[in-house]
N, C-alpha and C. Protein backbone atom coordinates (compact mmCIF):
# COMPACT_ATOMS: atom_id res chain seq x y z
N MET A 1 10.51 -9.88 -18.60
CA MET A 1 10.09 -11.25 -18.80
C MET A 1 11.18 -11.96 -19.59
N PRO A 2 11.76 -12.99 -19.00
CA PRO A 2 12.88 -13.67 -19.67
C PRO A 2 12.44 -14.60 -20.80
N GLN A 3 13.38 -14.80 -21.71
CA GLN A 3 13.27 -15.85 -22.72
C GLN A 3 14.23 -16.94 -22.26
N LEU A 4 13.82 -18.18 -22.29
CA LEU A 4 14.67 -19.26 -21.82
C LEU A 4 15.82 -19.53 -22.78
N VAL A 5 15.54 -19.44 -24.07
CA VAL A 5 16.56 -19.60 -25.10
C VAL A 5 16.32 -18.53 -26.15
N LYS A 6 17.37 -18.18 -26.87
CA LYS A 6 17.24 -17.16 -27.90
C LYS A 6 16.15 -17.56 -28.90
N GLY A 7 15.22 -16.65 -29.12
CA GLY A 7 14.12 -16.92 -30.05
C GLY A 7 13.02 -17.77 -29.45
N GLY A 8 13.14 -18.14 -28.18
CA GLY A 8 12.16 -19.02 -27.54
C GLY A 8 11.02 -18.26 -26.90
N LYS A 9 10.17 -19.02 -26.24
CA LYS A 9 8.99 -18.49 -25.58
C LYS A 9 9.38 -17.60 -24.39
N HIS A 10 8.66 -16.52 -24.22
CA HIS A 10 8.84 -15.67 -23.05
C HIS A 10 8.06 -16.29 -21.88
N VAL A 11 8.66 -16.25 -20.70
CA VAL A 11 8.01 -16.84 -19.53
C VAL A 11 7.88 -15.80 -18.42
N PHE A 12 6.88 -15.99 -17.58
CA PHE A 12 6.61 -15.09 -16.47
C PHE A 12 7.13 -15.65 -15.15
N GLY A 13 7.33 -16.96 -15.09
CA GLY A 13 7.78 -17.62 -13.86
C GLY A 13 6.99 -18.89 -13.62
N TRP A 14 7.08 -19.38 -12.39
CA TRP A 14 6.39 -20.61 -11.99
C TRP A 14 5.16 -20.26 -11.16
N SER A 15 4.06 -20.96 -11.40
CA SER A 15 2.88 -20.88 -10.56
C SER A 15 2.67 -22.27 -9.96
N VAL A 16 2.59 -22.33 -8.64
CA VAL A 16 2.44 -23.59 -7.93
C VAL A 16 0.98 -23.77 -7.55
N ILE A 17 0.42 -24.93 -7.85
CA ILE A 17 -0.95 -25.23 -7.44
C ILE A 17 -0.95 -25.47 -5.93
N THR A 18 -1.70 -24.66 -5.20
CA THR A 18 -1.71 -24.76 -3.74
C THR A 18 -2.52 -25.97 -3.28
N ASP A 19 -2.46 -26.23 -1.98
CA ASP A 19 -3.25 -27.32 -1.40
C ASP A 19 -4.75 -27.08 -1.58
N GLU A 20 -5.13 -25.80 -1.72
CA GLU A 20 -6.53 -25.45 -1.92
C GLU A 20 -6.92 -25.50 -3.40
N LEU A 21 -5.99 -25.94 -4.27
CA LEU A 21 -6.18 -26.07 -5.72
C LEU A 21 -6.29 -24.70 -6.40
N LYS A 22 -5.58 -23.75 -5.87
CA LYS A 22 -5.58 -22.39 -6.36
C LYS A 22 -4.32 -22.15 -7.18
N VAL A 23 -4.46 -21.38 -8.27
CA VAL A 23 -3.34 -21.04 -9.15
C VAL A 23 -3.24 -19.52 -9.21
N ARG A 24 -2.06 -19.00 -9.02
CA ARG A 24 -1.82 -17.55 -9.04
C ARG A 24 -1.32 -17.15 -10.41
N ILE A 25 -1.90 -16.10 -10.98
CA ILE A 25 -1.44 -15.54 -12.26
C ILE A 25 -0.31 -14.56 -11.96
N PRO A 26 0.85 -14.70 -12.60
CA PRO A 26 1.92 -13.72 -12.38
C PRO A 26 1.46 -12.30 -12.72
N ASP A 27 1.95 -11.34 -11.96
CA ASP A 27 1.53 -9.94 -12.12
C ASP A 27 1.66 -9.44 -13.56
N GLU A 28 2.80 -9.70 -14.17
CA GLU A 28 3.05 -9.21 -15.53
C GLU A 28 2.05 -9.81 -16.53
N ALA A 29 1.75 -11.09 -16.38
CA ALA A 29 0.77 -11.74 -17.26
C ALA A 29 -0.63 -11.20 -17.00
N TYR A 30 -0.95 -10.96 -15.75
CA TYR A 30 -2.25 -10.42 -15.38
C TYR A 30 -2.50 -9.10 -16.12
N ASP A 31 -1.47 -8.26 -16.15
CA ASP A 31 -1.58 -6.97 -16.83
C ASP A 31 -1.58 -7.13 -18.35
N GLU A 32 -0.65 -7.94 -18.86
CA GLU A 32 -0.50 -8.09 -20.32
C GLU A 32 -1.77 -8.63 -20.99
N TYR A 33 -2.46 -9.54 -20.32
CA TYR A 33 -3.65 -10.15 -20.91
C TYR A 33 -4.96 -9.53 -20.41
N SER A 34 -4.87 -8.40 -19.74
CA SER A 34 -6.04 -7.62 -19.30
C SER A 34 -7.00 -8.42 -18.43
N PHE A 35 -6.47 -9.25 -17.55
CA PHE A 35 -7.34 -10.01 -16.66
C PHE A 35 -8.03 -9.11 -15.63
N GLY A 36 -7.49 -7.92 -15.41
CA GLY A 36 -8.10 -6.99 -14.47
C GLY A 36 -9.43 -6.44 -14.94
N HIS A 37 -9.79 -6.70 -16.20
CA HIS A 37 -11.05 -6.19 -16.76
C HIS A 37 -12.17 -7.21 -16.73
N THR A 38 -11.96 -8.33 -16.04
CA THR A 38 -12.98 -9.38 -16.01
C THR A 38 -12.95 -10.09 -14.67
N ASP A 39 -14.02 -10.78 -14.35
CA ASP A 39 -14.01 -11.63 -13.15
C ASP A 39 -14.25 -13.09 -13.54
N LYS A 40 -14.13 -13.37 -14.83
CA LYS A 40 -14.30 -14.73 -15.34
C LYS A 40 -13.18 -15.05 -16.32
N ILE A 41 -12.74 -16.32 -16.32
CA ILE A 41 -11.74 -16.75 -17.30
C ILE A 41 -12.19 -18.06 -17.92
N ILE A 42 -11.77 -18.25 -19.17
CA ILE A 42 -12.02 -19.50 -19.89
C ILE A 42 -10.72 -20.29 -19.89
N ILE A 43 -10.83 -21.56 -19.52
CA ILE A 43 -9.67 -22.46 -19.44
C ILE A 43 -9.75 -23.43 -20.62
N LEU A 44 -8.66 -23.50 -21.39
CA LEU A 44 -8.56 -24.42 -22.52
C LEU A 44 -7.39 -25.36 -22.27
N SER A 45 -7.60 -26.65 -22.36
CA SER A 45 -6.50 -27.59 -22.15
C SER A 45 -5.41 -27.37 -23.19
N GLY A 46 -4.18 -27.68 -22.81
CA GLY A 46 -3.02 -27.44 -23.66
C GLY A 46 -2.76 -28.54 -24.66
N SER A 47 -1.62 -28.41 -25.32
CA SER A 47 -1.23 -29.36 -26.36
C SER A 47 -0.72 -30.66 -25.74
N GLU A 48 -0.63 -31.67 -26.55
CA GLU A 48 -0.11 -32.96 -26.11
C GLU A 48 1.35 -32.83 -25.65
N THR A 49 2.11 -31.97 -26.33
CA THR A 49 3.53 -31.82 -26.02
C THR A 49 3.77 -31.11 -24.69
N SER A 50 3.12 -29.97 -24.49
CA SER A 50 3.42 -29.17 -23.29
C SER A 50 2.37 -29.31 -22.19
N GLY A 51 1.28 -29.99 -22.45
CA GLY A 51 0.26 -30.21 -21.43
C GLY A 51 -0.28 -28.91 -20.88
N GLY A 52 -0.71 -28.94 -19.64
CA GLY A 52 -1.21 -27.75 -18.99
C GLY A 52 -2.46 -27.19 -19.64
N PHE A 53 -2.54 -25.85 -19.65
CA PHE A 53 -3.75 -25.19 -20.13
C PHE A 53 -3.47 -23.72 -20.38
N SER A 54 -4.39 -23.09 -21.06
CA SER A 54 -4.32 -21.64 -21.21
C SER A 54 -5.50 -21.03 -20.48
N ILE A 55 -5.33 -19.77 -20.08
CA ILE A 55 -6.45 -19.02 -19.53
C ILE A 55 -6.66 -17.81 -20.41
N ASN A 56 -7.92 -17.46 -20.59
CA ASN A 56 -8.30 -16.45 -21.56
C ASN A 56 -9.46 -15.64 -21.01
N THR A 57 -9.53 -14.37 -21.35
CA THR A 57 -10.71 -13.60 -20.99
C THR A 57 -11.83 -13.98 -21.97
N PRO A 58 -13.08 -13.93 -21.53
CA PRO A 58 -14.17 -14.22 -22.46
C PRO A 58 -14.14 -13.30 -23.68
N CYS A 59 -13.80 -12.05 -23.49
CA CYS A 59 -13.75 -11.10 -24.61
C CYS A 59 -12.68 -11.49 -25.63
N SER A 60 -11.49 -11.90 -25.15
CA SER A 60 -10.42 -12.29 -26.09
C SER A 60 -10.80 -13.53 -26.87
N VAL A 61 -11.49 -14.48 -26.24
CA VAL A 61 -11.94 -15.68 -26.94
C VAL A 61 -13.02 -15.31 -27.95
N ALA A 62 -13.97 -14.51 -27.53
CA ALA A 62 -15.07 -14.12 -28.42
C ALA A 62 -14.57 -13.41 -29.67
N ASN A 63 -13.47 -12.68 -29.55
CA ASN A 63 -12.92 -11.93 -30.69
C ASN A 63 -11.86 -12.69 -31.47
N SER A 64 -11.60 -13.95 -31.12
CA SER A 64 -10.56 -14.73 -31.80
C SER A 64 -11.14 -15.48 -33.00
N LYS A 65 -10.24 -16.03 -33.82
CA LYS A 65 -10.69 -16.75 -35.01
C LYS A 65 -11.41 -18.06 -34.67
N PHE A 66 -11.12 -18.65 -33.51
CA PHE A 66 -11.79 -19.88 -33.10
C PHE A 66 -12.89 -19.62 -32.08
N GLY A 67 -13.14 -18.36 -31.76
CA GLY A 67 -14.04 -17.97 -30.70
C GLY A 67 -15.46 -18.45 -30.82
N ASP A 68 -16.03 -18.40 -32.01
CA ASP A 68 -17.44 -18.79 -32.17
C ASP A 68 -17.69 -20.21 -31.67
N ARG A 69 -16.79 -21.11 -31.99
CA ARG A 69 -16.96 -22.52 -31.58
C ARG A 69 -16.86 -22.65 -30.07
N ILE A 70 -15.85 -22.03 -29.48
CA ILE A 70 -15.66 -22.10 -28.03
C ILE A 70 -16.85 -21.47 -27.31
N ILE A 71 -17.24 -20.30 -27.76
CA ILE A 71 -18.34 -19.57 -27.14
C ILE A 71 -19.63 -20.39 -27.18
N SER A 72 -19.88 -21.04 -28.30
CA SER A 72 -21.11 -21.84 -28.39
C SER A 72 -21.04 -23.08 -27.50
N LEU A 73 -19.87 -23.68 -27.36
CA LEU A 73 -19.73 -24.88 -26.52
C LEU A 73 -19.93 -24.58 -25.04
N ILE A 74 -19.47 -23.43 -24.58
CA ILE A 74 -19.60 -23.12 -23.16
C ILE A 74 -20.74 -22.15 -22.87
N GLY A 75 -21.41 -21.71 -23.92
CA GLY A 75 -22.59 -20.88 -23.75
C GLY A 75 -22.32 -19.51 -23.15
N TYR A 76 -21.26 -18.86 -23.62
CA TYR A 76 -20.97 -17.52 -23.13
C TYR A 76 -21.89 -16.52 -23.83
N ILE A 77 -22.52 -15.66 -23.03
CA ILE A 77 -23.41 -14.62 -23.55
C ILE A 77 -22.73 -13.29 -23.32
N LYS A 78 -22.19 -12.73 -24.38
CA LYS A 78 -21.38 -11.52 -24.27
C LYS A 78 -22.15 -10.35 -23.67
N GLU A 79 -23.39 -10.18 -24.06
CA GLU A 79 -24.19 -9.03 -23.60
C GLU A 79 -24.35 -9.01 -22.08
N SER A 80 -24.47 -10.17 -21.46
CA SER A 80 -24.67 -10.22 -20.01
C SER A 80 -23.42 -10.68 -19.27
N ASP A 81 -22.37 -11.05 -20.01
CA ASP A 81 -21.13 -11.57 -19.42
C ASP A 81 -21.43 -12.78 -18.52
N GLU A 82 -22.31 -13.64 -18.99
CA GLU A 82 -22.69 -14.84 -18.24
C GLU A 82 -22.51 -16.07 -19.13
N PHE A 83 -22.55 -17.25 -18.50
CA PHE A 83 -22.43 -18.53 -19.19
C PHE A 83 -23.71 -19.33 -18.97
N THR A 84 -24.06 -20.15 -19.95
CA THR A 84 -25.22 -21.02 -19.78
C THR A 84 -24.84 -22.36 -19.14
N ILE A 85 -23.55 -22.68 -19.07
CA ILE A 85 -23.12 -23.88 -18.35
C ILE A 85 -22.57 -23.46 -16.99
N LYS A 86 -22.61 -24.39 -16.04
CA LYS A 86 -22.16 -24.10 -14.68
C LYS A 86 -20.65 -23.86 -14.64
N ARG A 87 -20.25 -23.07 -13.67
CA ARG A 87 -18.83 -22.81 -13.43
C ARG A 87 -18.11 -24.14 -13.18
N GLN A 88 -16.98 -24.30 -13.81
CA GLN A 88 -16.08 -25.45 -13.72
C GLN A 88 -16.62 -26.73 -14.36
N LYS A 89 -17.76 -26.64 -15.06
CA LYS A 89 -18.20 -27.79 -15.86
C LYS A 89 -17.22 -27.94 -17.01
N ILE A 90 -16.89 -29.16 -17.35
CA ILE A 90 -15.90 -29.43 -18.40
C ILE A 90 -16.61 -29.88 -19.66
N VAL A 91 -16.26 -29.23 -20.78
CA VAL A 91 -16.83 -29.55 -22.08
C VAL A 91 -15.69 -30.04 -22.97
N ARG A 92 -15.93 -31.10 -23.70
CA ARG A 92 -14.93 -31.64 -24.62
C ARG A 92 -15.12 -31.02 -26.00
N ALA A 93 -14.00 -30.63 -26.61
CA ALA A 93 -14.01 -30.08 -27.97
C ALA A 93 -12.92 -30.81 -28.74
N GLY A 94 -13.27 -31.92 -29.36
CA GLY A 94 -12.27 -32.74 -30.03
C GLY A 94 -11.32 -33.32 -29.00
N GLU A 95 -10.03 -33.02 -29.14
CA GLU A 95 -9.02 -33.52 -28.20
C GLU A 95 -8.81 -32.57 -27.02
N ARG A 96 -9.45 -31.42 -27.04
CA ARG A 96 -9.26 -30.40 -26.01
C ARG A 96 -10.45 -30.36 -25.05
N PHE A 97 -10.19 -29.77 -23.89
CA PHE A 97 -11.23 -29.59 -22.88
C PHE A 97 -11.35 -28.11 -22.56
N ILE A 98 -12.58 -27.68 -22.29
CA ILE A 98 -12.87 -26.27 -22.03
C ILE A 98 -13.67 -26.18 -20.74
N SER A 99 -13.38 -25.15 -19.98
CA SER A 99 -14.14 -24.88 -18.77
C SER A 99 -14.06 -23.38 -18.50
N TRP A 100 -14.78 -22.92 -17.52
CA TRP A 100 -14.64 -21.52 -17.11
C TRP A 100 -14.73 -21.46 -15.59
N THR A 101 -14.17 -20.42 -15.04
CA THR A 101 -14.22 -20.22 -13.59
C THR A 101 -14.10 -18.74 -13.28
N ASN A 102 -14.26 -18.43 -12.01
CA ASN A 102 -14.15 -17.04 -11.58
C ASN A 102 -12.70 -16.68 -11.31
N LEU A 103 -12.36 -15.46 -11.63
CA LEU A 103 -11.06 -14.89 -11.32
C LEU A 103 -11.21 -14.15 -10.00
N LEU A 104 -10.33 -14.43 -9.06
CA LEU A 104 -10.43 -13.84 -7.73
C LEU A 104 -9.66 -12.53 -7.64
N ASP A 105 -9.96 -11.74 -6.63
CA ASP A 105 -9.33 -10.43 -6.47
C ASP A 105 -7.81 -10.51 -6.26
N ASP A 106 -7.32 -11.66 -5.78
CA ASP A 106 -5.88 -11.79 -5.54
C ASP A 106 -5.12 -12.34 -6.76
N LYS A 107 -5.70 -12.19 -7.95
CA LYS A 107 -5.08 -12.63 -9.22
C LYS A 107 -4.91 -14.14 -9.27
N SER A 108 -5.87 -14.85 -8.74
CA SER A 108 -5.79 -16.31 -8.75
C SER A 108 -7.15 -16.90 -9.12
N PHE A 109 -7.18 -18.21 -9.28
CA PHE A 109 -8.40 -18.94 -9.60
C PHE A 109 -8.25 -20.35 -9.10
N TYR A 110 -9.38 -21.04 -8.95
CA TYR A 110 -9.39 -22.42 -8.50
C TYR A 110 -9.55 -23.36 -9.69
N LEU A 111 -8.88 -24.51 -9.61
CA LEU A 111 -9.11 -25.60 -10.55
C LEU A 111 -9.94 -26.65 -9.84
N SER A 112 -10.81 -27.33 -10.56
CA SER A 112 -11.59 -28.41 -9.97
C SER A 112 -10.76 -29.69 -9.97
N ASP A 113 -11.12 -30.61 -9.08
CA ASP A 113 -10.46 -31.92 -9.06
C ASP A 113 -10.57 -32.62 -10.40
N ASP A 114 -11.76 -32.55 -11.01
CA ASP A 114 -11.98 -33.22 -12.30
C ASP A 114 -11.08 -32.65 -13.38
N LEU A 115 -10.96 -31.32 -13.45
CA LEU A 115 -10.12 -30.72 -14.46
C LEU A 115 -8.65 -31.05 -14.21
N MET A 116 -8.24 -31.05 -12.95
CA MET A 116 -6.85 -31.39 -12.64
C MET A 116 -6.53 -32.83 -13.07
N ASP A 117 -7.47 -33.74 -12.88
CA ASP A 117 -7.27 -35.12 -13.33
C ASP A 117 -7.07 -35.18 -14.83
N ILE A 118 -7.91 -34.46 -15.57
CA ILE A 118 -7.80 -34.44 -17.04
C ILE A 118 -6.47 -33.84 -17.47
N LEU A 119 -6.04 -32.79 -16.78
CA LEU A 119 -4.80 -32.09 -17.15
C LEU A 119 -3.55 -32.80 -16.64
N GLY A 120 -3.71 -33.77 -15.76
CA GLY A 120 -2.57 -34.50 -15.22
C GLY A 120 -1.74 -33.68 -14.25
N VAL A 121 -2.37 -32.78 -13.51
CA VAL A 121 -1.67 -31.97 -12.51
C VAL A 121 -2.31 -32.23 -11.14
N HIS A 122 -1.65 -31.78 -10.10
CA HIS A 122 -2.14 -32.02 -8.74
C HIS A 122 -1.65 -30.90 -7.82
N SER A 123 -2.14 -30.90 -6.62
CA SER A 123 -1.68 -29.95 -5.62
C SER A 123 -0.16 -30.07 -5.51
N GLY A 124 0.52 -28.95 -5.55
CA GLY A 124 1.98 -28.94 -5.50
C GLY A 124 2.65 -28.91 -6.87
N SER A 125 1.90 -29.16 -7.93
CA SER A 125 2.48 -29.11 -9.28
C SER A 125 2.99 -27.70 -9.58
N ARG A 126 4.16 -27.64 -10.21
CA ARG A 126 4.70 -26.36 -10.69
C ARG A 126 4.33 -26.21 -12.14
N LEU A 127 3.69 -25.11 -12.46
CA LEU A 127 3.30 -24.82 -13.84
C LEU A 127 4.15 -23.66 -14.33
N LEU A 128 4.69 -23.78 -15.52
CA LEU A 128 5.46 -22.70 -16.11
C LEU A 128 4.50 -21.72 -16.76
N ALA A 129 4.43 -20.53 -16.21
CA ALA A 129 3.56 -19.49 -16.76
C ALA A 129 4.29 -18.81 -17.91
N ALA A 130 3.71 -18.88 -19.11
CA ALA A 130 4.39 -18.40 -20.30
C ALA A 130 3.45 -17.59 -21.18
N ARG A 131 4.06 -16.78 -22.04
CA ARG A 131 3.28 -16.04 -23.03
C ARG A 131 2.71 -17.06 -24.01
N GLY A 132 1.42 -16.99 -24.20
CA GLY A 132 0.76 -17.89 -25.13
C GLY A 132 0.48 -17.17 -26.43
N SER A 133 -0.65 -17.49 -26.97
CA SER A 133 -1.08 -16.80 -28.18
C SER A 133 -1.48 -15.38 -27.79
N GLY A 134 -1.91 -14.61 -28.74
CA GLY A 134 -2.43 -13.29 -28.43
C GLY A 134 -3.73 -13.36 -27.67
N VAL A 135 -4.34 -14.53 -27.61
CA VAL A 135 -5.64 -14.69 -26.97
C VAL A 135 -5.48 -14.88 -25.46
N GLY A 136 -4.54 -15.69 -25.03
CA GLY A 136 -4.38 -15.97 -23.60
C GLY A 136 -2.99 -16.42 -23.24
N MET A 137 -2.75 -16.55 -21.94
CA MET A 137 -1.45 -17.02 -21.46
C MET A 137 -1.54 -18.52 -21.17
N THR A 138 -0.39 -19.17 -21.09
CA THR A 138 -0.38 -20.61 -20.89
C THR A 138 0.30 -20.98 -19.58
N PHE A 139 -0.13 -22.09 -19.04
CA PHE A 139 0.51 -22.73 -17.91
C PHE A 139 0.98 -24.09 -18.42
N ILE A 140 2.28 -24.25 -18.58
CA ILE A 140 2.88 -25.45 -19.19
C ILE A 140 3.23 -26.43 -18.08
N SER A 141 2.90 -27.71 -18.28
CA SER A 141 3.14 -28.71 -17.23
C SER A 141 4.19 -29.77 -17.59
N ARG A 142 4.69 -29.75 -18.82
CA ARG A 142 5.70 -30.76 -19.22
C ARG A 142 6.30 -30.38 -20.56
N GLY A 143 7.25 -31.17 -21.01
CA GLY A 143 7.81 -30.99 -22.35
C GLY A 143 9.10 -30.20 -22.38
N PRO A 144 9.60 -29.93 -23.58
CA PRO A 144 10.92 -29.31 -23.75
C PRO A 144 11.03 -27.91 -23.13
N ILE A 145 10.00 -27.09 -23.26
CA ILE A 145 10.07 -25.74 -22.69
C ILE A 145 10.09 -25.83 -21.17
N TYR A 146 9.29 -26.69 -20.61
CA TYR A 146 9.23 -26.91 -19.17
C TYR A 146 10.60 -27.38 -18.68
N ASN A 147 11.18 -28.36 -19.37
CA ASN A 147 12.48 -28.90 -18.97
C ASN A 147 13.58 -27.85 -19.04
N GLU A 148 13.53 -26.98 -20.04
CA GLU A 148 14.50 -25.90 -20.14
C GLU A 148 14.35 -24.94 -18.96
N ALA A 149 13.12 -24.65 -18.59
CA ALA A 149 12.86 -23.72 -17.47
C ALA A 149 13.41 -24.25 -16.15
N LEU A 150 13.43 -25.57 -15.99
CA LEU A 150 13.97 -26.16 -14.77
C LEU A 150 15.45 -25.80 -14.56
N LYS A 151 16.14 -25.44 -15.61
CA LYS A 151 17.56 -25.07 -15.55
C LYS A 151 17.77 -23.62 -15.12
N HIS A 152 16.69 -22.84 -15.04
CA HIS A 152 16.78 -21.40 -14.75
C HIS A 152 16.29 -21.13 -13.33
N ASN A 153 17.22 -20.98 -12.42
CA ASN A 153 16.88 -20.81 -11.00
C ASN A 153 16.33 -19.44 -10.66
N ALA A 154 16.48 -18.46 -11.53
CA ALA A 154 16.08 -17.09 -11.21
C ALA A 154 14.62 -16.78 -11.52
N LEU A 155 13.87 -17.74 -12.04
CA LEU A 155 12.47 -17.48 -12.36
C LEU A 155 11.65 -17.27 -11.09
N LEU A 156 10.77 -16.30 -11.11
CA LEU A 156 9.90 -16.03 -9.97
C LEU A 156 8.95 -17.19 -9.75
N VAL A 157 8.56 -17.38 -8.49
CA VAL A 157 7.62 -18.44 -8.12
C VAL A 157 6.41 -17.77 -7.46
N TYR A 158 5.21 -18.13 -7.94
CA TYR A 158 3.95 -17.57 -7.43
C TYR A 158 3.15 -18.67 -6.77
N HIS A 159 2.60 -18.36 -5.59
CA HIS A 159 1.76 -19.32 -4.84
C HIS A 159 0.39 -18.73 -4.67
């Protein structure tokens, strides 16, 4: 997994939002964040600077320092691995947005039209898949890290 600049963020490559609004998780990120142990992911909108969003397993969110608030907002029930809100419903948490969706067998997931509007992305958008916090990985849609990645032609592209 390359670093774009010395001391900078590690990246997995580019993920392109397909015409079907599907996003592919890079293989290395899929393994690193243990997405193979779940069929559900929690989506958290990104920062103002880098946009995009992070994806997280319910277990990693539940065990994080901010987990209680997120879990209560989306109604995740750890014992049954279910949610009390509908799949892809969007919940606002201050300046951030939270949703959840199913993880598909091909290491991908769908974004809703509503969430894509909020995130400012669309079919065909290239998202920079990068190492995020210890909780989840990020898909960056703009900003300095994104612009630096545009200079690196050797990054893998996932569809």
